[in-house]
Amino acid sequence: MKYLFALLFSFTTVSLFAQNKDNVRFTPQGSLNIITEPEVDALVNKYLYLNQNNAEVRGFRIQIKQAMKSEPVLQAKAKVLRNFPNLKVYYTYDQPDFKLRVGDFTDRFDAHKALVDISKQFDGAFIVRDMVKVQ
């Protein structure tokens, strides 16, 4: 067992020394300059350009209803709009189901607080990951 641990430890330290330090420079002022390939910079700039107007981020919504027919989902939507007018409602069709989701939460804690209130009227409500709109 000791030999196995010593062998594993030696491989770990060898791999740590294998890092390339040619592309990192330390300046005397205490800052760090990282030199990257121009292709990487081009990809980062392209990503930033394409997503500069994207008003959606990964977040959470509360799914209230899911059914194969639209009528029960539309009835639940009407009930949500009456009882929770401050929540944004999303009615979607993902074949073969109609789904009713509410809210734009970037934080799971905020979604859970809303879920506590919603669960009093909708038993099967639960939190799902989704792309949410940010202001």
Protein backbone atom coordinates (compact mmCIF):
# COMPACT_ATOMS: atom_id res chain seq x y z
CA MET A 1 0.00 0.00 0.00
CA LYS A 2 2.88 2.36 0.85
CA TYR A 3 4.52 1.65 -2.48
CA LEU A 4 1.31 2.33 -4.38
CA PHE A 5 0.88 5.67 -2.60
CA ALA A 6 4.52 6.64 -3.27
CA LEU A 7 4.18 5.72 -6.94
CA LEU A 8 0.94 7.69 -7.31
CA PHE A 9 2.47 10.69 -5.54
CA SER A 10 5.53 10.66 -7.82
CA PHE A 11 3.37 10.60 -10.97
CA THR A 12 1.30 13.50 -9.67
CA THR A 13 4.33 15.67 -8.97
CA VAL A 14 5.88 14.83 -12.35
CA SER A 15 2.72 15.88 -14.13
CA LEU A 16 2.67 19.16 -12.21
CA PHE A 17 6.15 20.01 -13.49
CA ALA A 18 5.06 19.25 -17.05
CA GLN A 19 3.07 22.50 -17.30
CA ASN A 20 4.34 24.97 -19.90
CA LYS A 21 5.43 28.23 -18.29
CA ASP A 22 6.54 29.95 -21.51
CA ASN A 23 3.20 31.64 -22.09
CA VAL A 24 2.88 33.23 -18.64
CA ARG A 25 4.96 36.26 -17.64
CA PHE A 26 5.09 37.93 -14.26
CA THR A 27 5.71 41.65 -14.21
CA PRO A 28 7.46 43.45 -11.36
CA GLN A 29 4.29 45.42 -10.49
CA GLY A 30 2.60 42.23 -9.32
CA SER A 31 0.29 41.75 -12.29
CA LEU A 32 0.09 38.75 -14.56
CA ASN A 33 0.26 38.78 -18.35
CA ILE A 34 -1.02 35.70 -20.16
CA ILE A 35 0.07 35.33 -23.76
CA THR A 36 -2.45 33.43 -25.86
CA GLU A 37 -2.64 32.28 -29.42
CA PRO A 38 -4.29 34.75 -31.85
CA GLU A 39 -6.82 32.09 -32.85
CA VAL A 40 -8.03 31.81 -29.24
CA ASP A 41 -8.41 35.58 -29.01
CA ALA A 42 -10.35 35.59 -32.27
CA LEU A 43 -12.74 32.90 -31.00
CA VAL A 44 -13.30 34.74 -27.71
CA ASN A 45 -14.01 38.00 -29.54
CA LYS A 46 -16.40 36.22 -31.92
CA TYR A 47 -18.23 34.64 -28.98
CA LEU A 48 -18.57 38.01 -27.25
CA TYR A 49 -19.79 39.67 -30.44
CA LEU A 50 -22.41 37.00 -31.14
CA ASN A 51 -23.73 37.04 -27.57
CA GLN A 52 -23.63 40.76 -26.82
CA ASN A 53 -27.38 41.14 -27.38
CA ASN A 54 -28.34 37.81 -25.86
CA ALA A 55 -30.68 38.62 -23.02
CA GLU A 56 -30.95 35.01 -21.86
CA VAL A 57 -28.85 33.11 -19.35
CA ARG A 58 -29.08 29.69 -17.77
CA GLY A 59 -31.45 29.84 -14.87
CA PHE A 60 -34.56 28.30 -13.38
CA ARG A 61 -38.30 28.26 -13.94
CA ILE A 62 -41.13 26.54 -12.14
CA GLN A 63 -43.00 23.98 -14.19
CA ILE A 64 -46.61 23.94 -13.12
CA LYS A 65 -48.35 21.69 -15.61
CA GLN A 66 -47.51 19.28 -18.40
CA ALA A 67 -50.12 17.44 -20.45
CA MET A 68 -50.65 15.94 -23.87
CA LYS A 69 -53.79 18.04 -24.39
CA SER A 70 -53.77 21.82 -24.26
CA GLU A 71 -57.01 22.37 -22.31
CA PRO A 72 -55.75 21.50 -18.80
CA VAL A 73 -52.58 23.49 -19.38
CA LEU A 74 -54.56 26.53 -20.55
CA GLN A 75 -56.82 26.27 -17.50
CA ALA A 76 -53.75 26.21 -15.26
CA LYS A 77 -52.38 29.22 -17.15
CA ALA A 78 -55.54 31.20 -16.44
CA LYS A 79 -55.32 30.27 -12.75
CA VAL A 80 -51.66 31.33 -12.60
CA LEU A 81 -52.40 34.67 -14.27
CA ARG A 82 -55.17 35.32 -11.74
CA ASN A 83 -53.25 34.30 -8.63
CA PHE A 84 -49.67 35.28 -9.54
CA PRO A 85 -49.85 38.36 -11.78
CA ASN A 86 -46.22 39.30 -11.04
CA LEU A 87 -44.80 36.10 -12.59
CA LYS A 88 -44.07 35.80 -16.30
CA VAL A 89 -45.90 32.80 -17.80
CA TYR A 90 -44.45 30.57 -20.54
CA TYR A 91 -46.80 28.23 -22.42
CA THR A 92 -44.88 25.93 -24.79
CA TYR A 93 -45.36 22.82 -26.86
CA ASP A 94 -42.57 20.24 -26.77
CA GLN A 95 -43.86 17.31 -28.76
CA PRO A 96 -45.91 15.50 -27.50
CA ASP A 97 -46.54 17.67 -24.40
CA PHE A 98 -47.84 21.14 -23.64
CA LYS A 99 -45.93 22.74 -20.76
CA LEU A 100 -46.65 25.64 -18.46
CA ARG A 101 -43.67 27.26 -16.78
CA VAL A 102 -43.43 30.48 -14.80
CA GLY A 103 -40.73 32.88 -13.68
CA ASP A 104 -37.28 33.97 -14.73
CA PHE A 105 -35.02 33.05 -11.83
CA THR A 106 -31.25 33.28 -12.09
CA ASP A 107 -30.88 31.86 -8.59
CA ARG A 108 -32.28 28.52 -7.41
CA PHE A 109 -32.97 29.99 -3.97
CA ASP A 110 -35.34 32.61 -5.46
CA ALA A 111 -37.05 29.90 -7.51
CA HIS A 112 -37.54 27.82 -4.38
CA LYS A 113 -39.13 30.74 -2.51
CA ALA A 114 -41.65 31.16 -5.34
CA LEU A 115 -42.18 27.39 -5.49
CA VAL A 116 -43.30 27.36 -1.86
CA ASP A 117 -46.12 29.80 -2.69
CA ILE A 118 -47.05 28.13 -5.96
CA SER A 119 -47.11 24.64 -4.43
CA LYS A 120 -50.01 25.69 -2.21
CA GLN A 121 -52.22 25.85 -5.32
CA PHE A 122 -50.42 23.51 -7.74
CA ASP A 123 -49.39 20.21 -6.17
CA GLY A 124 -47.13 18.93 -8.94
CA ALA A 125 -45.06 22.10 -9.44
CA PHE A 126 -41.28 21.71 -9.53
CA ILE A 127 -38.14 23.66 -10.46
CA VAL A 128 -36.54 23.11 -13.87
CA ARG A 129 -33.41 24.47 -15.53
CA ASP A 130 -34.12 26.70 -18.50
CA MET A 131 -32.84 29.69 -20.41
CA VAL A 132 -34.32 32.72 -18.65
CA LYS A 133 -34.64 36.35 -19.69
CA VAL A 134 -32.66 38.95 -17.77
CA GLN A 135 -33.43 42.63 -17.56
